């Protein structure tokens, strides 16, 4: 699956210096893991974020934000932000903070063997 390389570069600039985040390529996509938990990613040209159920409901009322539904079944606690919602660096950083704050509360996943 192709993803927005420009958005990936912006995320790399934002997260590349944070040792707690690991860049990953999964299923042809791009994203970041925090202690083995998916945090932020790119689906085509949209930003996908794991923010928890409460924040997903709140953010879902904002323009350009909706449920993350890539299989026909929305994923609880995740949102998808359309490209129009991430053109400004401040907006991108704000959305990513929601994901970072939420994923930091999750227990670390054990590495696969």
N, C-alpha and C. Protein backbone atom coordinates (compact mmCIF):
# COMPACT_ATOMS: atom_id res chain seq x y z
N UNK A 1 0.85 -1.18 0.00
CA UNK A 1 0.00 0.00 0.00
C UNK A 1 0.89 1.24 0.00
N UNK A 2 0.70 2.11 -0.95
CA UNK A 2 1.48 3.36 -0.93
C UNK A 2 1.01 4.27 0.19
N UNK A 3 1.95 5.08 0.69
CA UNK A 3 1.59 6.05 1.72
C UNK A 3 2.23 7.38 1.37
N UNK A 4 1.73 8.45 1.95
CA UNK A 4 2.19 9.80 1.68
C UNK A 4 3.61 9.98 2.22
N UNK A 5 4.58 10.02 1.31
CA UNK A 5 5.99 10.14 1.71
C UNK A 5 6.27 11.48 2.37
N UNK A 6 5.59 12.52 1.96
CA UNK A 6 5.78 13.84 2.57
C UNK A 6 5.33 13.85 4.02
N UNK A 7 4.20 13.20 4.29
CA UNK A 7 3.71 13.10 5.67
C UNK A 7 4.67 12.23 6.49
N UNK A 8 5.20 11.18 5.88
CA UNK A 8 6.18 10.33 6.58
C UNK A 8 7.42 11.13 6.97
N UNK A 9 7.89 11.99 6.09
CA UNK A 9 9.06 12.83 6.40
C UNK A 9 8.75 13.79 7.55
N UNK A 10 7.55 14.32 7.55
CA UNK A 10 7.17 15.23 8.64
C UNK A 10 7.11 14.48 9.97
N UNK A 11 6.60 13.25 9.96
CA UNK A 11 6.57 12.45 11.19
C UNK A 11 7.98 12.08 11.63
N UNK A 12 8.85 11.76 10.67
CA UNK A 12 10.24 11.44 11.01
C UNK A 12 10.91 12.64 11.67
N UNK A 13 10.66 13.82 11.17
CA UNK A 13 11.25 15.02 11.78
C UNK A 13 10.70 15.24 13.18
N UNK A 14 9.44 14.89 13.40
CA UNK A 14 8.81 15.08 14.69
C UNK A 14 9.24 14.02 15.70
N UNK A 15 9.38 12.78 15.26
CA UNK A 15 9.60 11.66 16.17
C UNK A 15 10.99 11.04 16.10
N UNK A 16 11.77 11.34 15.09
CA UNK A 16 13.05 10.67 14.87
C UNK A 16 14.01 10.75 16.03
N UNK A 17 13.91 11.76 16.84
CA UNK A 17 14.83 11.94 17.97
C UNK A 17 14.32 11.32 19.27
N UNK A 18 13.12 10.74 19.25
CA UNK A 18 12.54 10.16 20.46
C UNK A 18 12.86 8.66 20.53
N UNK A 19 13.72 8.27 21.45
CA UNK A 19 14.13 6.86 21.50
C UNK A 19 13.00 5.90 21.86
N UNK A 20 11.94 6.39 22.49
CA UNK A 20 10.85 5.51 22.88
C UNK A 20 9.94 5.14 21.72
N UNK A 21 10.11 5.81 20.57
CA UNK A 21 9.31 5.50 19.39
C UNK A 21 10.15 4.79 18.35
N UNK A 22 9.57 3.75 17.78
CA UNK A 22 10.26 2.95 16.79
C UNK A 22 9.50 3.04 15.47
N UNK A 23 10.19 3.46 14.43
CA UNK A 23 9.59 3.52 13.10
C UNK A 23 9.33 2.10 12.60
N UNK A 24 8.21 1.92 11.96
CA UNK A 24 7.86 0.59 11.46
C UNK A 24 7.20 0.69 10.10
N UNK A 25 7.37 -0.36 9.35
CA UNK A 25 6.66 -0.51 8.08
C UNK A 25 5.88 -1.81 8.19
N UNK A 26 4.57 -1.69 8.16
CA UNK A 26 3.70 -2.86 8.28
C UNK A 26 2.69 -2.87 7.15
N UNK A 27 2.54 -4.00 6.52
CA UNK A 27 1.53 -4.17 5.48
C UNK A 27 1.64 -3.08 4.41
N UNK A 28 2.87 -2.64 4.15
CA UNK A 28 3.10 -1.61 3.15
C UNK A 28 2.87 -0.20 3.64
N UNK A 29 2.48 -0.05 4.91
CA UNK A 29 2.23 1.27 5.48
C UNK A 29 3.41 1.73 6.32
N UNK A 30 3.24 2.84 6.97
CA UNK A 30 4.30 3.49 7.73
C UNK A 30 3.73 3.95 9.06
N UNK A 31 4.51 3.82 10.13
CA UNK A 31 4.03 4.31 11.40
C UNK A 31 5.08 4.24 12.49
N UNK A 32 4.63 4.49 13.70
CA UNK A 32 5.50 4.47 14.88
C UNK A 32 4.87 3.63 15.98
N UNK A 33 5.72 2.86 16.64
CA UNK A 33 5.33 2.05 17.79
C UNK A 33 5.92 2.65 19.04
N UNK A 34 5.19 2.53 20.13
CA UNK A 34 5.69 2.91 21.46
C UNK A 34 5.58 1.66 22.32
N UNK A 35 6.70 1.12 22.74
CA UNK A 35 6.75 -0.10 23.53
C UNK A 35 5.95 -1.23 22.88
N UNK A 36 6.06 -1.32 21.58
CA UNK A 36 5.39 -2.38 20.83
C UNK A 36 3.95 -2.11 20.47
N UNK A 37 3.40 -1.00 20.91
CA UNK A 37 2.02 -0.63 20.60
C UNK A 37 1.99 0.38 19.47
N UNK A 38 1.16 0.11 18.47
CA UNK A 38 1.00 1.06 17.38
C UNK A 38 0.45 2.37 17.93
N UNK A 39 1.05 3.47 17.49
CA UNK A 39 0.71 4.79 18.02
C UNK A 39 0.17 5.69 16.91
N UNK A 40 0.99 5.90 15.90
CA UNK A 40 0.69 6.82 14.80
C UNK A 40 1.07 6.13 13.50
N UNK A 41 0.27 6.34 12.48
CA UNK A 41 0.59 5.75 11.19
C UNK A 41 0.03 6.56 10.05
N UNK A 42 0.31 6.10 8.86
CA UNK A 42 -0.19 6.73 7.65
C UNK A 42 -0.91 5.67 6.83
N UNK A 43 -2.12 5.99 6.44
CA UNK A 43 -2.91 5.13 5.56
C UNK A 43 -3.19 5.94 4.30
N UNK A 44 -2.50 5.61 3.22
CA UNK A 44 -2.51 6.40 1.98
C UNK A 44 -2.06 7.83 2.29
N UNK A 45 -2.99 8.79 2.32
CA UNK A 45 -2.58 10.17 2.63
C UNK A 45 -3.19 10.66 3.94
N UNK A 46 -3.77 9.74 4.70
CA UNK A 46 -4.40 10.11 5.97
C UNK A 46 -3.53 9.69 7.15
N UNK A 47 -3.62 10.45 8.21
CA UNK A 47 -2.94 10.14 9.46
C UNK A 47 -3.86 9.26 10.28
N UNK A 48 -3.35 8.15 10.80
CA UNK A 48 -4.13 7.31 11.69
C UNK A 48 -3.51 7.36 13.07
N UNK A 49 -4.38 7.41 14.07
CA UNK A 49 -3.93 7.63 15.45
C UNK A 49 -4.67 6.72 16.41
N UNK A 50 -3.92 6.14 17.34
CA UNK A 50 -4.54 5.37 18.42
C UNK A 50 -4.65 6.32 19.62
N UNK A 51 -5.88 6.73 19.92
CA UNK A 51 -6.08 7.77 20.93
C UNK A 51 -6.97 7.36 22.09
N UNK A 52 -7.54 6.17 22.06
CA UNK A 52 -8.48 5.75 23.09
C UNK A 52 -9.90 6.14 22.74
N UNK A 53 -10.85 5.47 23.35
CA UNK A 53 -12.26 5.65 23.01
C UNK A 53 -12.75 7.07 23.29
N UNK A 54 -12.45 7.62 24.45
CA UNK A 54 -12.95 8.96 24.80
C UNK A 54 -12.41 10.02 23.85
N UNK A 55 -11.12 10.00 23.60
CA UNK A 55 -10.54 11.00 22.69
C UNK A 55 -11.03 10.79 21.26
N UNK A 56 -11.24 9.54 20.87
CA UNK A 56 -11.75 9.28 19.51
C UNK A 56 -13.13 9.88 19.33
N UNK A 57 -13.96 9.77 20.35
CA UNK A 57 -15.29 10.37 20.27
C UNK A 57 -15.20 11.88 20.18
N UNK A 58 -14.35 12.49 20.98
CA UNK A 58 -14.18 13.94 20.99
C UNK A 58 -13.58 14.43 19.67
N UNK A 59 -12.48 13.82 19.26
CA UNK A 59 -11.81 14.24 18.03
C UNK A 59 -12.70 13.99 16.81
N UNK A 60 -13.51 12.94 16.88
CA UNK A 60 -14.38 12.60 15.75
C UNK A 60 -15.38 13.67 15.40
N UNK A 61 -15.59 14.61 16.29
CA UNK A 61 -16.51 15.72 16.00
C UNK A 61 -15.81 16.87 15.27
N UNK A 62 -14.50 16.78 15.13
CA UNK A 62 -13.74 17.84 14.45
C UNK A 62 -13.75 17.62 12.94
N UNK A 63 -13.61 18.74 12.23
CA UNK A 63 -13.53 18.68 10.78
C UNK A 63 -12.31 17.86 10.38
N UNK A 64 -12.45 17.06 9.36
CA UNK A 64 -11.39 16.23 8.77
C UNK A 64 -11.06 14.98 9.58
N UNK A 65 -11.74 14.75 10.71
CA UNK A 65 -11.44 13.60 11.55
C UNK A 65 -12.64 12.66 11.54
N UNK A 66 -12.34 11.37 11.42
CA UNK A 66 -13.40 10.38 11.45
C UNK A 66 -12.88 9.06 11.99
N UNK A 67 -13.74 8.07 12.03
CA UNK A 67 -13.31 6.78 12.54
C UNK A 67 -12.29 6.14 11.59
N UNK A 68 -11.40 5.35 12.16
CA UNK A 68 -10.47 4.60 11.33
C UNK A 68 -11.20 3.33 10.90
N UNK A 69 -11.54 3.29 9.64
CA UNK A 69 -12.29 2.18 9.08
C UNK A 69 -11.63 1.78 7.78
N UNK A 70 -10.73 0.84 7.85
CA UNK A 70 -10.03 0.41 6.64
C UNK A 70 -10.42 -1.00 6.22
N UNK A 71 -11.27 -1.66 7.04
CA UNK A 71 -11.68 -3.02 6.73
C UNK A 71 -13.19 -3.16 6.62
N UNK A 72 -13.92 -2.06 6.78
CA UNK A 72 -15.37 -2.13 6.80
C UNK A 72 -15.93 -2.16 8.21
N UNK A 73 -15.04 -2.21 9.20
CA UNK A 73 -15.46 -2.20 10.60
C UNK A 73 -14.59 -1.19 11.34
N UNK A 74 -15.18 -0.08 11.82
CA UNK A 74 -14.38 0.94 12.51
C UNK A 74 -13.65 0.35 13.73
N UNK A 75 -12.43 0.79 13.94
CA UNK A 75 -11.63 0.33 15.07
C UNK A 75 -11.86 1.28 16.24
N UNK A 76 -12.28 0.73 17.37
CA UNK A 76 -12.54 1.55 18.56
C UNK A 76 -11.24 2.14 19.07
N UNK A 77 -11.31 3.41 19.43
CA UNK A 77 -10.15 4.08 20.01
C UNK A 77 -9.16 4.61 18.99
N UNK A 78 -9.49 4.50 17.73
CA UNK A 78 -8.62 4.99 16.65
C UNK A 78 -9.38 6.04 15.86
N UNK A 79 -8.63 6.99 15.27
CA UNK A 79 -9.21 7.96 14.35
C UNK A 79 -8.34 8.07 13.11
N UNK A 80 -8.96 8.57 12.06
CA UNK A 80 -8.26 8.85 10.82
C UNK A 80 -8.45 10.33 10.51
N UNK A 81 -7.35 11.03 10.27
CA UNK A 81 -7.40 12.45 9.96
C UNK A 81 -7.06 12.61 8.48
N UNK A 82 -7.99 13.20 7.74
CA UNK A 82 -7.78 13.43 6.32
C UNK A 82 -6.60 14.37 6.10
N UNK A 83 -5.99 14.27 4.94
CA UNK A 83 -4.81 15.07 4.62
C UNK A 83 -5.06 16.56 4.85
N UNK A 84 -6.26 17.03 4.59
CA UNK A 84 -6.58 18.45 4.77
C UNK A 84 -6.44 18.89 6.22
N UNK A 85 -6.54 17.96 7.15
CA UNK A 85 -6.45 18.29 8.57
C UNK A 85 -5.04 18.31 9.11
N UNK A 86 -4.07 17.92 8.28
CA UNK A 86 -2.68 17.85 8.76
C UNK A 86 -1.72 18.71 7.95
N UNK A 87 -2.25 19.66 7.21
CA UNK A 87 -1.36 20.49 6.39
C UNK A 87 -0.49 21.41 7.24
N UNK A 88 -0.98 21.83 8.39
CA UNK A 88 -0.21 22.70 9.28
C UNK A 88 0.54 21.86 10.31
N UNK A 89 1.81 22.18 10.55
CA UNK A 89 2.61 21.42 11.51
C UNK A 89 2.02 21.43 12.91
N UNK A 90 1.43 22.55 13.32
CA UNK A 90 0.83 22.63 14.65
C UNK A 90 -0.34 21.65 14.78
N UNK A 91 -1.13 21.53 13.75
CA UNK A 91 -2.26 20.59 13.78
C UNK A 91 -1.75 19.15 13.82
N UNK A 92 -0.76 18.84 13.02
CA UNK A 92 -0.17 17.51 13.01
C UNK A 92 0.37 17.16 14.40
N UNK A 93 1.11 18.08 14.99
CA UNK A 93 1.68 17.84 16.32
C UNK A 93 0.59 17.66 17.37
N UNK A 94 -0.47 18.44 17.28
CA UNK A 94 -1.58 18.33 18.24
C UNK A 94 -2.21 16.95 18.16
N UNK A 95 -2.51 16.47 16.96
CA UNK A 95 -3.10 15.14 16.82
C UNK A 95 -2.16 14.07 17.34
N UNK A 96 -0.88 14.18 17.02
CA UNK A 96 0.09 13.17 17.44
C UNK A 96 0.24 13.15 18.97
N UNK A 97 0.11 14.29 19.61
CA UNK A 97 0.18 14.32 21.09
C UNK A 97 -0.93 13.49 21.72
N UNK A 98 -2.13 13.53 21.12
CA UNK A 98 -3.22 12.70 21.63
C UNK A 98 -2.79 11.23 21.62
N UNK A 99 -2.22 10.80 20.51
CA UNK A 99 -1.81 9.40 20.37
C UNK A 99 -0.68 9.07 21.33
N UNK A 100 0.32 9.91 21.40
CA UNK A 100 1.46 9.66 22.30
C UNK A 100 1.01 9.57 23.75
N UNK A 101 0.15 10.48 24.16
CA UNK A 101 -0.34 10.49 25.54
C UNK A 101 -1.13 9.23 25.86
N UNK A 102 -1.96 8.79 24.91
CA UNK A 102 -2.74 7.59 25.16
C UNK A 102 -1.87 6.33 25.17
N UNK A 103 -1.07 6.16 24.16
CA UNK A 103 -0.28 4.92 24.04
C UNK A 103 0.72 4.79 25.18
N UNK A 104 1.17 5.89 25.74
CA UNK A 104 2.09 5.84 26.87
C UNK A 104 1.43 5.20 28.10
N UNK A 105 0.09 5.14 28.14
CA UNK A 105 -0.61 4.53 29.27
C UNK A 105 -0.76 3.03 29.12
N UNK A 106 -0.45 2.49 27.95
CA UNK A 106 -0.65 1.06 27.68
C UNK A 106 0.55 0.25 28.17
N UNK A 107 0.31 -0.98 28.58
CA UNK A 107 1.44 -1.83 28.96
C UNK A 107 2.28 -2.18 27.74
N UNK A 108 3.57 -2.33 27.97
CA UNK A 108 4.47 -2.70 26.87
C UNK A 108 4.13 -4.10 26.37
N UNK A 109 4.26 -4.28 25.07
CA UNK A 109 4.07 -5.60 24.48
C UNK A 109 5.39 -6.34 24.50
N UNK A 110 5.32 -7.62 24.74
CA UNK A 110 6.53 -8.44 24.71
C UNK A 110 6.93 -8.65 23.25
N UNK A 111 8.24 -8.55 22.96
CA UNK A 111 8.69 -8.77 21.58
C UNK A 111 8.34 -10.18 21.09
N UNK A 112 7.99 -10.27 19.82
CA UNK A 112 7.70 -11.59 19.22
C UNK A 112 9.00 -12.38 19.12
N UNK A 113 8.89 -13.65 19.26
CA UNK A 113 10.09 -14.51 19.17
C UNK A 113 10.35 -14.94 17.77
